[in-house]
PDB file of all heavy atoms in Angstrom:
ATOM      1  N   THR A   1      28.277  30.612 -68.354  1.00  0.00           N
ATOM      2  CA  THR A   1      28.260  31.337 -67.086  1.00  0.00           C
ATOM      3  C   THR A   1      29.656  31.268 -66.481  1.00  0.00           C
ATOM      4  O   THR A   1      30.239  30.187 -66.393  1.00  0.00           O
ATOM      5  CB  THR A   1      27.242  30.699 -66.115  1.00  0.00           C
ATOM      6  OG1 THR A   1      25.974  30.622 -66.759  1.00  0.00           O
ATOM      7  CG2 THR A   1      27.122  31.512 -64.842  1.00  0.00           C
ATOM      8  N   PHE A   2      30.181  32.429 -66.085  1.00  0.00           N
ATOM      9  CA  PHE A   2      31.518  32.441 -65.505  1.00  0.00           C
ATOM     10  C   PHE A   2      31.475  31.878 -64.095  1.00  0.00           C
ATOM     11  O   PHE A   2      30.661  32.285 -63.272  1.00  0.00           O
ATOM     12  CB  PHE A   2      32.110  33.857 -65.502  1.00  0.00           C
ATOM     13  CG  PHE A   2      33.582  33.863 -65.240  1.00  0.00           C
ATOM     14  CD1 PHE A   2      34.469  33.458 -66.219  1.00  0.00           C
ATOM     15  CD2 PHE A   2      34.088  34.248 -64.014  1.00  0.00           C
ATOM     16  CE1 PHE A   2      35.845  33.435 -65.987  1.00  0.00           C
ATOM     17  CE2 PHE A   2      35.455  34.235 -63.770  1.00  0.00           C
ATOM     18  CZ  PHE A   2      36.325  33.827 -64.749  1.00  0.00           C
ATOM     19  N   ASN A   3      32.351  30.908 -63.798  1.00  0.00           N
ATOM     20  CA  ASN A   3      32.423  30.245 -62.509  1.00  0.00           C
ATOM     21  C   ASN A   3      33.582  30.862 -61.728  1.00  0.00           C
ATOM     22  O   ASN A   3      34.749  30.658 -62.065  1.00  0.00           O
ATOM     23  CB  ASN A   3      32.644  28.740 -62.723  1.00  0.00           C
ATOM     24  CG  ASN A   3      32.653  27.964 -61.435  1.00  0.00           C
ATOM     25  OD1 ASN A   3      33.098  28.445 -60.403  1.00  0.00           O
ATOM     26  ND2 ASN A   3      32.164  26.731 -61.505  1.00  0.00           N
ATOM     27  N   ASN A   4      33.260  31.637 -60.688  1.00  0.00           N
ATOM     28  CA  ASN A   4      34.297  32.317 -59.910  1.00  0.00           C
ATOM     29  C   ASN A   4      35.123  31.365 -59.057  1.00  0.00           C
ATOM     30  O   ASN A   4      36.214  31.712 -58.619  1.00  0.00           O
ATOM     31  CB  ASN A   4      33.670  33.398 -59.017  1.00  0.00           C
ATOM     32  CG  ASN A   4      33.316  34.637 -59.802  1.00  0.00           C
ATOM     33  OD1 ASN A   4      34.053  35.049 -60.691  1.00  0.00           O
ATOM     34  ND2 ASN A   4      32.170  35.235 -59.490  1.00  0.00           N
ATOM     35  N   THR A   5      34.626  30.157 -58.818  1.00  0.00           N
ATOM     36  CA  THR A   5      35.383  29.186 -58.038  1.00  0.00           C
ATOM     37  C   THR A   5      36.503  28.568 -58.867  1.00  0.00           C
ATOM     38  O   THR A   5      37.647  28.476 -58.428  1.00  0.00           O
ATOM     39  CB  THR A   5      34.447  28.076 -57.506  1.00  0.00           C
ATOM     40  OG1 THR A   5      33.398  28.691 -56.754  1.00  0.00           O
ATOM     41  CG2 THR A   5      35.203  27.091 -56.638  1.00  0.00           C
ATOM     42  N   THR A   6      36.163  28.139 -60.092  1.00  0.00           N
ATOM     43  CA  THR A   6      37.157  27.505 -60.961  1.00  0.00           C
ATOM     44  C   THR A   6      37.827  28.497 -61.896  1.00  0.00           C
ATOM     45  O   THR A   6      38.771  28.149 -62.589  1.00  0.00           O
ATOM     46  CB  THR A   6      36.509  26.397 -61.809  1.00  0.00           C
ATOM     47  OG1 THR A   6      35.512  26.994 -62.665  1.00  0.00           O
ATOM     48  CG2 THR A   6      35.875  25.328 -60.934  1.00  0.00           C
ATOM     49  N   CYS A   7      37.308  29.718 -61.925  1.00  0.00           N
ATOM     50  CA  CYS A   7      37.855  30.769 -62.780  1.00  0.00           C
ATOM     51  C   CYS A   7      37.805  30.358 -64.263  1.00  0.00           C
ATOM     52  O   CYS A   7      38.754  30.547 -65.020  1.00  0.00           O
ATOM     53  CB  CYS A   7      39.277  31.135 -62.362  1.00  0.00           C
ATOM     54  SG  CYS A   7      39.729  32.824 -62.837  1.00  0.00           S
ATOM     55  N   SER A   8      36.683  29.763 -64.645  1.00  0.00           N
ATOM     56  CA  SER A   8      36.500  29.350 -66.032  1.00  0.00           C
ATOM     57  C   SER A   8      35.026  29.458 -66.392  1.00  0.00           C
ATOM     58  O   SER A   8      34.173  29.701 -65.534  1.00  0.00           O
ATOM     59  CB  SER A   8      36.997  27.916 -66.231  1.00  0.00           C
ATOM     60  OG  SER A   8      36.235  27.031 -65.435  1.00  0.00           O
ATOM     61  N   TRP A   9      34.719  29.276 -67.665  1.00  0.00           N
ATOM     62  CA  TRP A   9      33.342  29.352 -68.143  1.00  0.00           C
ATOM     63  C   TRP A   9      32.686  27.980 -68.074  1.00  0.00           C
ATOM     64  O   TRP A   9      33.260  26.987 -68.518  1.00  0.00           O
ATOM     65  CB  TRP A   9      33.319  29.860 -69.588  1.00  0.00           C
ATOM     66  CG  TRP A   9      33.659  31.315 -69.688  1.00  0.00           C
ATOM     67  CD1 TRP A   9      34.879  31.857 -69.923  1.00  0.00           C
ATOM     68  CD2 TRP A   9      32.763  32.423 -69.542  1.00  0.00           C
ATOM     69  NE1 TRP A   9      34.802  33.224 -69.932  1.00  0.00           N
ATOM     70  CE2 TRP A   9      33.514  33.601 -69.708  1.00  0.00           C
ATOM     71  CE3 TRP A   9      31.404  32.525 -69.284  1.00  0.00           C
ATOM     72  CZ2 TRP A   9      32.940  34.873 -69.628  1.00  0.00           C
ATOM     73  CZ3 TRP A   9      30.834  33.790 -69.212  1.00  0.00           C
ATOM     74  CH2 TRP A   9      31.599  34.942 -69.373  1.00  0.00           C
ATOM     75  N   ASP A  10      31.491  27.919 -67.515  1.00  0.00           N
ATOM     76  CA  ASP A  10      30.684  26.699 -67.501  1.00  0.00           C
ATOM     77  C   ASP A  10      29.644  26.820 -68.602  1.00  0.00           C
ATOM     78  O   ASP A  10      28.861  27.780 -68.624  1.00  0.00           O
ATOM     79  CB  ASP A  10      29.964  26.521 -66.160  1.00  0.00           C
ATOM     80  CG  ASP A  10      30.919  26.241 -65.009  1.00  0.00           C
ATOM     81  OD1 ASP A  10      32.042  25.765 -65.274  1.00  0.00           O
ATOM     82  OD2 ASP A  10      30.538  26.502 -63.851  1.00  0.00           O
ATOM     83  N   VAL A  11      29.647  25.877 -69.531  1.00  0.00           N
ATOM     84  CA  VAL A  11      28.688  25.878 -70.637  1.00  0.00           C
ATOM     85  C   VAL A  11      27.620  24.838 -70.345  1.00  0.00           C
ATOM     86  O   VAL A  11      27.924  23.668 -70.133  1.00  0.00           O
ATOM     87  CB  VAL A  11      29.388  25.588 -71.982  1.00  0.00           C
ATOM     88  CG1 VAL A  11      28.373  25.529 -73.110  1.00  0.00           C
ATOM     89  CG2 VAL A  11      30.445  26.649 -72.271  1.00  0.00           C
ATOM     90  N   THR A  12      26.367  25.283 -70.295  1.00  0.00           N
ATOM     91  CA  THR A  12      25.250  24.391 -70.011  1.00  0.00           C
ATOM     92  C   THR A  12      24.173  24.590 -71.063  1.00  0.00           C
ATOM     93  O   THR A  12      24.156  25.588 -71.779  1.00  0.00           O
ATOM     94  CB  THR A  12      24.650  24.665 -68.622  1.00  0.00           C
ATOM     95  OG1 THR A  12      24.236  26.029 -68.564  1.00  0.00           O
ATOM     96  CG2 THR A  12      25.642  24.371 -67.516  1.00  0.00           C
ATOM     97  N   GLY A  13      23.271  23.641 -71.129  1.00  0.00           N
ATOM     98  CA  GLY A  13      22.140  23.743 -72.043  1.00  0.00           C
ATOM     99  C   GLY A  13      22.111  22.587 -73.001  1.00  0.00           C
ATOM    100  O   GLY A  13      23.126  21.938 -73.256  1.00  0.00           O
ATOM    101  N   SER A  14      20.924  22.307 -73.500  1.00  0.00           N
ATOM    102  CA  SER A  14      20.778  21.243 -74.469  1.00  0.00           C
ATOM    103  C   SER A  14      19.782  21.656 -75.534  1.00  0.00           C
ATOM    104  O   SER A  14      18.863  22.432 -75.275  1.00  0.00           O
ATOM    105  CB  SER A  14      20.338  19.949 -73.777  1.00  0.00           C
ATOM    106  OG  SER A  14      19.087  20.135 -73.145  1.00  0.00           O
ATOM    107  N   GLN A  15      19.989  21.122 -76.704  1.00  0.00           N
ATOM    108  CA  GLN A  15      19.115  21.418 -77.841  1.00  0.00           C
ATOM    109  C   GLN A  15      17.726  20.863 -77.559  1.00  0.00           C
ATOM    110  O   GLN A  15      17.604  19.783 -76.984  1.00  0.00           O
ATOM    111  CB  GLN A  15      19.716  20.764 -79.089  1.00  0.00           C
ATOM    112  CG  GLN A  15      18.923  20.966 -80.350  1.00  0.00           C
ATOM    113  CD  GLN A  15      19.682  20.435 -81.543  1.00  0.00           C
ATOM    114  OE1 GLN A  15      20.834  20.796 -81.743  1.00  0.00           O
ATOM    115  NE2 GLN A  15      19.069  19.585 -82.320  1.00  0.00           N
ATOM    116  N   PRO A  16      16.654  21.587 -77.930  1.00  0.00           N
ATOM    117  CA  PRO A  16      15.315  21.053 -77.728  1.00  0.00           C
ATOM    118  C   PRO A  16      15.161  19.695 -78.412  1.00  0.00           C
ATOM    119  O   PRO A  16      15.773  19.442 -79.445  1.00  0.00           O
ATOM    120  CB  PRO A  16      14.407  22.101 -78.388  1.00  0.00           C
ATOM    121  CG  PRO A  16      15.219  23.358 -78.406  1.00  0.00           C
ATOM    122  CD  PRO A  16      16.638  22.927 -78.558  1.00  0.00           C
ATOM    123  N   ALA A  17      14.359  18.832 -77.819  1.00  0.00           N
ATOM    124  CA  ALA A  17      14.151  17.494 -78.380  1.00  0.00           C
ATOM    125  C   ALA A  17      13.490  17.599 -79.760  1.00  0.00           C
ATOM    126  O   ALA A  17      12.651  18.462 -79.999  1.00  0.00           O
ATOM    127  CB  ALA A  17      13.265  16.677 -77.447  1.00  0.00           C
ATOM    128  N   GLU A  18      13.908  16.703 -80.648  1.00  0.00           N
ATOM    129  CA  GLU A  18      13.333  16.687 -81.993  1.00  0.00           C
ATOM    130  C   GLU A  18      11.866  16.279 -81.902  1.00  0.00           C
ATOM    131  O   GLU A  18      11.521  15.313 -81.223  1.00  0.00           O
ATOM    132  CB  GLU A  18      14.093  15.709 -82.889  1.00  0.00           C
ATOM    133  CG  GLU A  18      13.608  15.713 -84.325  1.00  0.00           C
ATOM    134  CD  GLU A  18      14.490  14.892 -85.254  1.00  0.00           C
ATOM    135  OE1 GLU A  18      15.537  14.401 -84.797  1.00  0.00           O
ATOM    136  OE2 GLU A  18      14.137  14.753 -86.421  1.00  0.00           O
ATOM    137  N   PRO A  19      10.974  17.016 -82.579  1.00  0.00           N
ATOM    138  CA  PRO A  19       9.556  16.679 -82.486  1.00  0.00           C
ATOM    139  C   PRO A  19       9.227  15.386 -83.221  1.00  0.00           C
ATOM    140  O   PRO A  19       9.939  14.978 -84.139  1.00  0.00           O
ATOM    141  CB  PRO A  19       8.870  17.875 -83.155  1.00  0.00           C
ATOM    142  CG  PRO A  19       9.893  18.416 -84.094  1.00  0.00           C
ATOM    143  CD  PRO A  19      11.225  18.161 -83.443  1.00  0.00           C
ATOM    144  N   THR A  20       8.157  14.738 -82.788  1.00  0.00           N
ATOM    145  CA  THR A  20       7.663  13.565 -83.494  1.00  0.00           C
ATOM    146  C   THR A  20       6.971  14.053 -84.764  1.00  0.00           C
ATOM    147  O   THR A  20       6.138  14.958 -84.715  1.00  0.00           O
ATOM    148  CB  THR A  20       6.661  12.795 -82.617  1.00  0.00           C
ATOM    149  OG1 THR A  20       7.322  12.422 -81.408  1.00  0.00           O
ATOM    150  CG2 THR A  20       6.143  11.561 -83.318  1.00  0.00           C
ATOM    151  N   THR A  21       7.337  13.486 -85.891  1.00  0.00           N
ATOM    152  CA  THR A  21       6.767  13.918 -87.163  1.00  0.00           C
ATOM    153  C   THR A  21       6.132  12.748 -87.887  1.00  0.00           C
ATOM    154  O   THR A  21       6.422  11.583 -87.594  1.00  0.00           O
ATOM    155  CB  THR A  21       7.851  14.542 -88.071  1.00  0.00           C
ATOM    156  OG1 THR A  21       8.882  13.577 -88.265  1.00  0.00           O
ATOM    157  CG2 THR A  21       8.445  15.802 -87.464  1.00  0.00           C
ATOM    158  N   GLU A  22       5.258  13.062 -88.820  1.00  0.00           N
ATOM    159  CA  GLU A  22       4.675  12.038 -89.672  1.00  0.00           C
ATOM    160  C   GLU A  22       5.736  11.598 -90.673  1.00  0.00           C
ATOM    161  O   GLU A  22       6.743  12.276 -90.870  1.00  0.00           O
ATOM    162  CB  GLU A  22       3.444  12.595 -90.406  1.00  0.00           C
ATOM    163  CG  GLU A  22       2.323  13.018 -89.483  1.00  0.00           C
ATOM    164  CD  GLU A  22       1.713  11.869 -88.706  1.00  0.00           C
ATOM    165  OE1 GLU A  22       1.736  10.723 -89.194  1.00  0.00           O
ATOM    166  OE2 GLU A  22       1.220  12.104 -87.600  1.00  0.00           O
ATOM    167  N   CYS A  23       5.503  10.470 -91.359  1.00  0.00           N
ATOM    168  CA  CYS A  23       6.519   9.920 -92.263  1.00  0.00           C
ATOM    169  C   CYS A  23       6.852  10.859 -93.426  1.00  0.00           C
ATOM    170  O   CYS A  23       7.929  10.796 -93.990  1.00  0.00           O
ATOM    171  CB  CYS A  23       6.080   8.562 -92.799  1.00  0.00           C
ATOM    172  SG  CYS A  23       4.601   8.601 -93.800  1.00  0.00           S
ATOM    173  N   TYR A  24       5.938  11.757 -93.768  1.00  0.00           N
ATOM    174  CA  TYR A  24       6.154  12.658 -94.910  1.00  0.00           C
ATOM    175  C   TYR A  24       6.716  14.012 -94.479  1.00  0.00           C
ATOM    176  O   TYR A  24       6.917  14.894 -95.299  1.00  0.00           O
ATOM    177  CB  TYR A  24       4.840  12.865 -95.672  1.00  0.00           C
ATOM    178  CG  TYR A  24       3.686  13.277 -94.782  1.00  0.00           C
ATOM    179  CD1 TYR A  24       3.475  14.608 -94.446  1.00  0.00           C
ATOM    180  CD2 TYR A  24       2.835  12.327 -94.254  1.00  0.00           C
ATOM    181  CE1 TYR A  24       2.441  14.971 -93.619  1.00  0.00           C
ATOM    182  CE2 TYR A  24       1.793  12.695 -93.425  1.00  0.00           C
ATOM    183  CZ  TYR A  24       1.588  14.009 -93.108  1.00  0.00           C
ATOM    184  OH  TYR A  24       0.565  14.351 -92.291  1.00  0.00           O
ATOM    185  N   GLU A  25       6.987  14.184 -93.201  1.00  0.00           N
ATOM    186  CA  GLU A  25       7.519  15.444 -92.699  1.00  0.00           C
ATOM    187  C   GLU A  25       9.007  15.318 -92.371  1.00  0.00           C
ATOM    188  O   GLU A  25       9.494  14.226 -92.091  1.00  0.00           O
ATOM    189  CB  GLU A  25       6.770  15.877 -91.436  1.00  0.00           C
ATOM    190  CG  GLU A  25       5.314  16.204 -91.666  1.00  0.00           C
ATOM    191  CD  GLU A  25       4.576  16.512 -90.376  1.00  0.00           C
ATOM    192  OE1 GLU A  25       4.864  15.880 -89.346  1.00  0.00           O
ATOM    193  OE2 GLU A  25       3.700  17.385 -90.414  1.00  0.00           O
ATOM    194  N   THR A  26       9.704  16.456 -92.368  1.00  0.00           N
ATOM    195  CA  THR A  26      11.118  16.505 -92.025  1.00  0.00           C
ATOM    196  C   THR A  26      11.316  17.586 -90.966  1.00  0.00           C
ATOM    197  O   THR A  26      10.793  18.695 -91.105  1.00  0.00           O
ATOM    198  CB  THR A  26      11.975  16.849 -93.261  1.00  0.00           C
ATOM    199  OG1 THR A  26      11.737  15.874 -94.266  1.00  0.00           O
ATOM    200  CG2 THR A  26      13.456  16.867 -92.922  1.00  0.00           C
ATOM    201  N   ALA A  27      12.062  17.260 -89.903  1.00  0.00           N
ATOM    202  CA  ALA A  27      12.379  18.227 -88.855  1.00  0.00           C
ATOM    203  C   ALA A  27      13.841  18.637 -89.007  1.00  0.00           C
ATOM    204  O   ALA A  27      14.733  17.799 -89.033  1.00  0.00           O
ATOM    205  CB  ALA A  27      12.133  17.631 -87.483  1.00  0.00           C
ATOM    206  N   THR A  28      14.073  19.946 -89.135  1.00  0.00           N
ATOM    207  CA  THR A  28      15.419  20.496 -89.284  1.00  0.00           C
ATOM    208  C   THR A  28      15.633  21.539 -88.189  1.00  0.00           C
ATOM    209  O   THR A  28      14.789  22.420 -88.002  1.00  0.00           O
ATOM    210  CB  THR A  28      15.584  21.157 -90.669  1.00  0.00           C
ATOM    211  OG1 THR A  28      15.218  20.217 -91.676  1.00  0.00           O
ATOM    212  CG2 THR A  28      17.018  21.614 -90.889  1.00  0.00           C
ATOM    213  N   PHE A  29      16.763  21.433 -87.460  1.00  0.00           N
ATOM    214  CA  PHE A  29      17.021  22.397 -86.389  1.00  0.00           C
ATOM    215  C   PHE A  29      17.456  23.722 -86.995  1.00  0.00           C
ATOM    216  O   PHE A  29      18.355  23.787 -87.827  1.00  0.00           O
ATOM    217  CB  PHE A  29      18.090  21.870 -85.419  1.00  0.00           C
ATOM    218  CG  PHE A  29      18.135  22.667 -84.151  1.00  0.00           C
ATOM    219  CD1 PHE A  29      17.134  22.529 -83.210  1.00  0.00           C
ATOM    220  CD2 PHE A  29      19.156  23.557 -83.910  1.00  0.00           C
ATOM    221  CE1 PHE A  29      17.157  23.269 -82.029  1.00  0.00           C
ATOM    222  CE2 PHE A  29      19.192  24.294 -82.742  1.00  0.00           C
ATOM    223  CZ  PHE A  29      18.184  24.153 -81.800  1.00  0.00           C
ATOM    224  N   ASN A  30      16.807  24.806 -86.574  1.00  0.00           N
ATOM    225  CA  ASN A  30      17.079  26.151 -87.074  1.00  0.00           C
ATOM    226  C   ASN A  30      17.915  26.881 -86.030  1.00  0.00           C
ATOM    227  O   ASN A  30      17.426  27.220 -84.953  1.00  0.00           O
ATOM    228  CB  ASN A  30      15.745  26.868 -87.319  1.00  0.00           C
ATOM    229  CG  ASN A  30      15.914  28.234 -87.927  1.00  0.00           C
ATOM    230  OD1 ASN A  30      16.875  28.940 -87.636  1.00  0.00           O
ATOM    231  ND2 ASN A  30      14.966  28.629 -88.751  1.00  0.00           N
ATOM    232  N   ASN A  31      19.206  27.116 -86.336  1.00  0.00           N
ATOM    233  CA  ASN A  31      20.090  27.777 -85.376  1.00  0.00           C
ATOM    234  C   ASN A  31      19.761  29.249 -85.176  1.00  0.00           C
ATOM    235  O   ASN A  31      20.144  29.839 -84.178  1.00  0.00           O
ATOM    236  CB  ASN A  31      21.554  27.627 -85.807  1.00  0.00           C
ATOM    237  CG  ASN A  31      22.105  26.254 -85.472  1.00  0.00           C
ATOM    238  OD1 ASN A  31      21.807  25.691 -84.428  1.00  0.00           O
ATOM    239  ND2 ASN A  31      22.896  25.701 -86.375  1.00  0.00           N
ATOM    240  N   ALA A  32      19.055  29.875 -86.131  1.00  0.00           N
ATOM    241  CA  ALA A  32      18.693  31.289 -85.984  1.00  0.00           C
ATOM    242  C   ALA A  32      17.581  31.454 -84.948  1.00  0.00           C
ATOM    243  O   ALA A  32      17.639  32.345 -84.101  1.00  0.00           O
ATOM    244  CB  ALA A  32      18.263  31.871 -87.325  1.00  0.00           C
ATOM    245  N   THR A  33      16.565  30.579 -84.984  1.00  0.00           N
ATOM    246  CA  THR A  33      15.437  30.676 -84.046  1.00  0.00           C
ATOM    247  C   THR A  33      15.590  29.732 -82.865  1.00  0.00           C
ATOM    248  O   THR A  33      14.790  29.773 -81.936  1.00  0.00           O
ATOM    249  CB  THR A  33      14.113  30.366 -84.759  1.00  0.00           C
ATOM    250  OG1 THR A  33      14.151  29.014 -85.247  1.00  0.00           O
ATOM    251  CG2 THR A  33      13.874  31.318 -85.922  1.00  0.00           C
ATOM    252  N   CYS A  34      16.582  28.848 -82.917  1.00  0.00           N
ATOM    253  CA  CYS A  34      16.838  27.875 -81.859  1.00  0.00           C
ATOM    254  C   CYS A  34      15.623  26.979 -81.636  1.00  0.00           C
ATOM    255  O   CYS A  34      15.218  26.711 -80.515  1.00  0.00           O
ATOM    256  CB  CYS A  34      17.245  28.581 -80.570  1.00  0.00           C
ATOM    257  SG  CYS A  34      18.226  27.521 -79.491  1.00  0.00           S
ATOM    258  N   SER A  35      15.022  26.545 -82.736  1.00  0.00           N
ATOM    259  CA  SER A  35      13.865  25.660 -82.663  1.00  0.00           C
ATOM    260  C   SER A  35      13.842  24.751 -83.889  1.00  0.00           C
ATOM    261  O   SER A  35      14.621  24.929 -84.817  1.00  0.00           O
ATOM    262  CB  SER A  35      12.570  26.478 -82.590  1.00  0.00           C
ATOM    263  OG  SER A  35      12.421  27.242 -83.769  1.00  0.00           O
ATOM    264  N   TRP A  36      12.941  23.774 -83.861  1.00  0.00           N
ATOM    265  CA  TRP A  36      12.821  22.835 -84.973  1.00  0.00           C
ATOM    266  C   TRP A  36      11.833  23.360 -86.001  1.00  0.00           C
ATOM    267  O   TRP A  36      10.741  23.804 -85.656  1.00  0.00           O
ATOM    268  CB  TRP A  36      12.350  21.478 -84.456  1.00  0.00           C
ATOM    269  CG  TRP A  36      13.401  20.762 -83.675  1.00  0.00           C
ATOM    270  CD1 TRP A  36      13.577  20.785 -82.320  1.00  0.00           C
ATOM    271  CD2 TRP A  36      14.437  19.923 -84.200  1.00  0.00           C
ATOM    272  NE1 TRP A  36      14.664  20.011 -81.977  1.00  0.00           N
ATOM    273  CE2 TRP A  36      15.207  19.466 -83.100  1.00  0.00           C
ATOM    274  CE3 TRP A  36      14.791  19.510 -85.482  1.00  0.00           C
ATOM    275  CZ2 TRP A  36      16.295  18.617 -83.260  1.00  0.00           C
ATOM    276  CZ3 TRP A  36      15.874  18.662 -85.629  1.00  0.00           C
ATOM    277  CH2 TRP A  36      16.615  18.235 -84.531  1.00  0.00           C
ATOM    278  N   ASP A  37      12.218  23.323 -87.283  1.00  0.00           N
ATOM    279  CA  ASP A  37      11.324  23.652 -88.389  1.00  0.00           C
ATOM    280  C   ASP A  37      10.819  22.343 -88.973  1.00  0.00           C
ATOM    281  O   ASP A  37      11.621  21.501 -89.388  1.00  0.00           O
ATOM    282  CB  ASP A  37      12.056  24.444 -89.487  1.00  0.00           C
ATOM    283  CG  ASP A  37      12.479  25.835 -89.017  1.00  0.00           C
ATOM    284  OD1 ASP A  37      11.879  26.346 -88.057  1.00  0.00           O
ATOM    285  OD2 ASP A  37      13.413  26.394 -89.616  1.00  0.00           O
ATOM    286  N   VAL A  38       9.510  22.159 -88.987  1.00  0.00           N
ATOM    287  CA  VAL A  38       8.905  20.953 -89.542  1.00  0.00           C
ATOM    288  C   VAL A  38       8.318  21.288 -90.902  1.00  0.00           C
ATOM    289  O   VAL A  38       7.497  22.196 -91.025  1.00  0.00           O
ATOM    290  CB  VAL A  38       7.813  20.389 -88.605  1.00  0.00           C
ATOM    291  CG1 VAL A  38       7.153  19.167 -89.229  1.00  0.00           C
ATOM    292  CG2 VAL A  38       8.415  20.031 -87.256  1.00  0.00           C
ATOM    293  N   THR A  39       8.782  20.580 -91.924  1.00  0.00           N
ATOM    294  CA  THR A  39       8.312  20.821 -93.285  1.00  0.00           C
ATOM    295  C   THR A  39       7.863  19.509 -93.906  1.00  0.00           C
ATOM    296  O   THR A  39       8.217  18.433 -93.431  1.00  0.00           O
ATOM    297  CB  THR A  39       9.426  21.435 -94.161  1.00  0.00           C
ATOM    298  OG1 THR A  39      10.552  20.559 -94.142  1.00  0.00           O
ATOM    299  CG2 THR A  39       9.838  22.813 -93.656  1.00  0.00           C
ATOM    300  N   GLY A  40       7.106  19.609 -94.966  1.00  0.00           N
ATOM    301  CA  GLY A  40       6.653  18.425 -95.686  1.00  0.00           C
ATOM    302  C   GLY A  40       5.148  18.404 -95.806  1.00  0.00           C
ATOM    303  O   GLY A  40       4.438  19.039 -95.027  1.00  0.00           O
ATOM    304  N   SER A  41       4.665  17.683 -96.783  1.00  0.00           N
ATOM    305  CA  SER A  41       3.220  17.552 -96.953  1.00  0.00           C
ATOM    306  C   SER A  41       2.887  16.128 -97.371  1.00  0.00           C
ATOM    307  O   SER A  41       3.656  15.460 -98.057  1.00  0.00           O
ATOM    308  CB  SER A  41       2.708  18.553 -97.991  1.00  0.00           C
ATOM    309  OG  SER A  41       3.330  18.316 -99.232  1.00  0.00           O
ATOM    310  N   GLN A  42       1.740  15.674 -96.910  1.00  0.00           N
ATOM    311  CA  GLN A  42       1.287  14.316 -97.203  1.00  0.00           C
ATOM    312  C   GLN A  42       0.957  14.208 -98.689  1.00  0.00           C
ATOM    313  O   GLN A  42       0.401  15.135 -99.272  1.00  0.00           O
ATOM    314  CB  GLN A  42       0.051  14.022 -96.351  1.00  0.00           C
ATOM    315  CG  GLN A  42      -0.541  12.658 -96.549  1.00  0.00           C
ATOM    316  CD  GLN A  42      -1.670  12.391 -95.567  1.00  0.00           C
ATOM    317  OE1 GLN A  42      -1.509  12.635 -94.371  1.00  0.00           O
ATOM    318  NE2 GLN A  42      -2.776  11.923 -96.050  1.00  0.00           N
TER     319      GLN A  42
END
């Protein structure tokens, strides 16, 4: 967001929290969908 007071760009936001997964699952952040992909099978 452009800040007219400082005349610069303010970058805000945080990556969604990693989900809790079972020991046989893997969570990988997907930059295309901006979400976590959970894969794996027991």
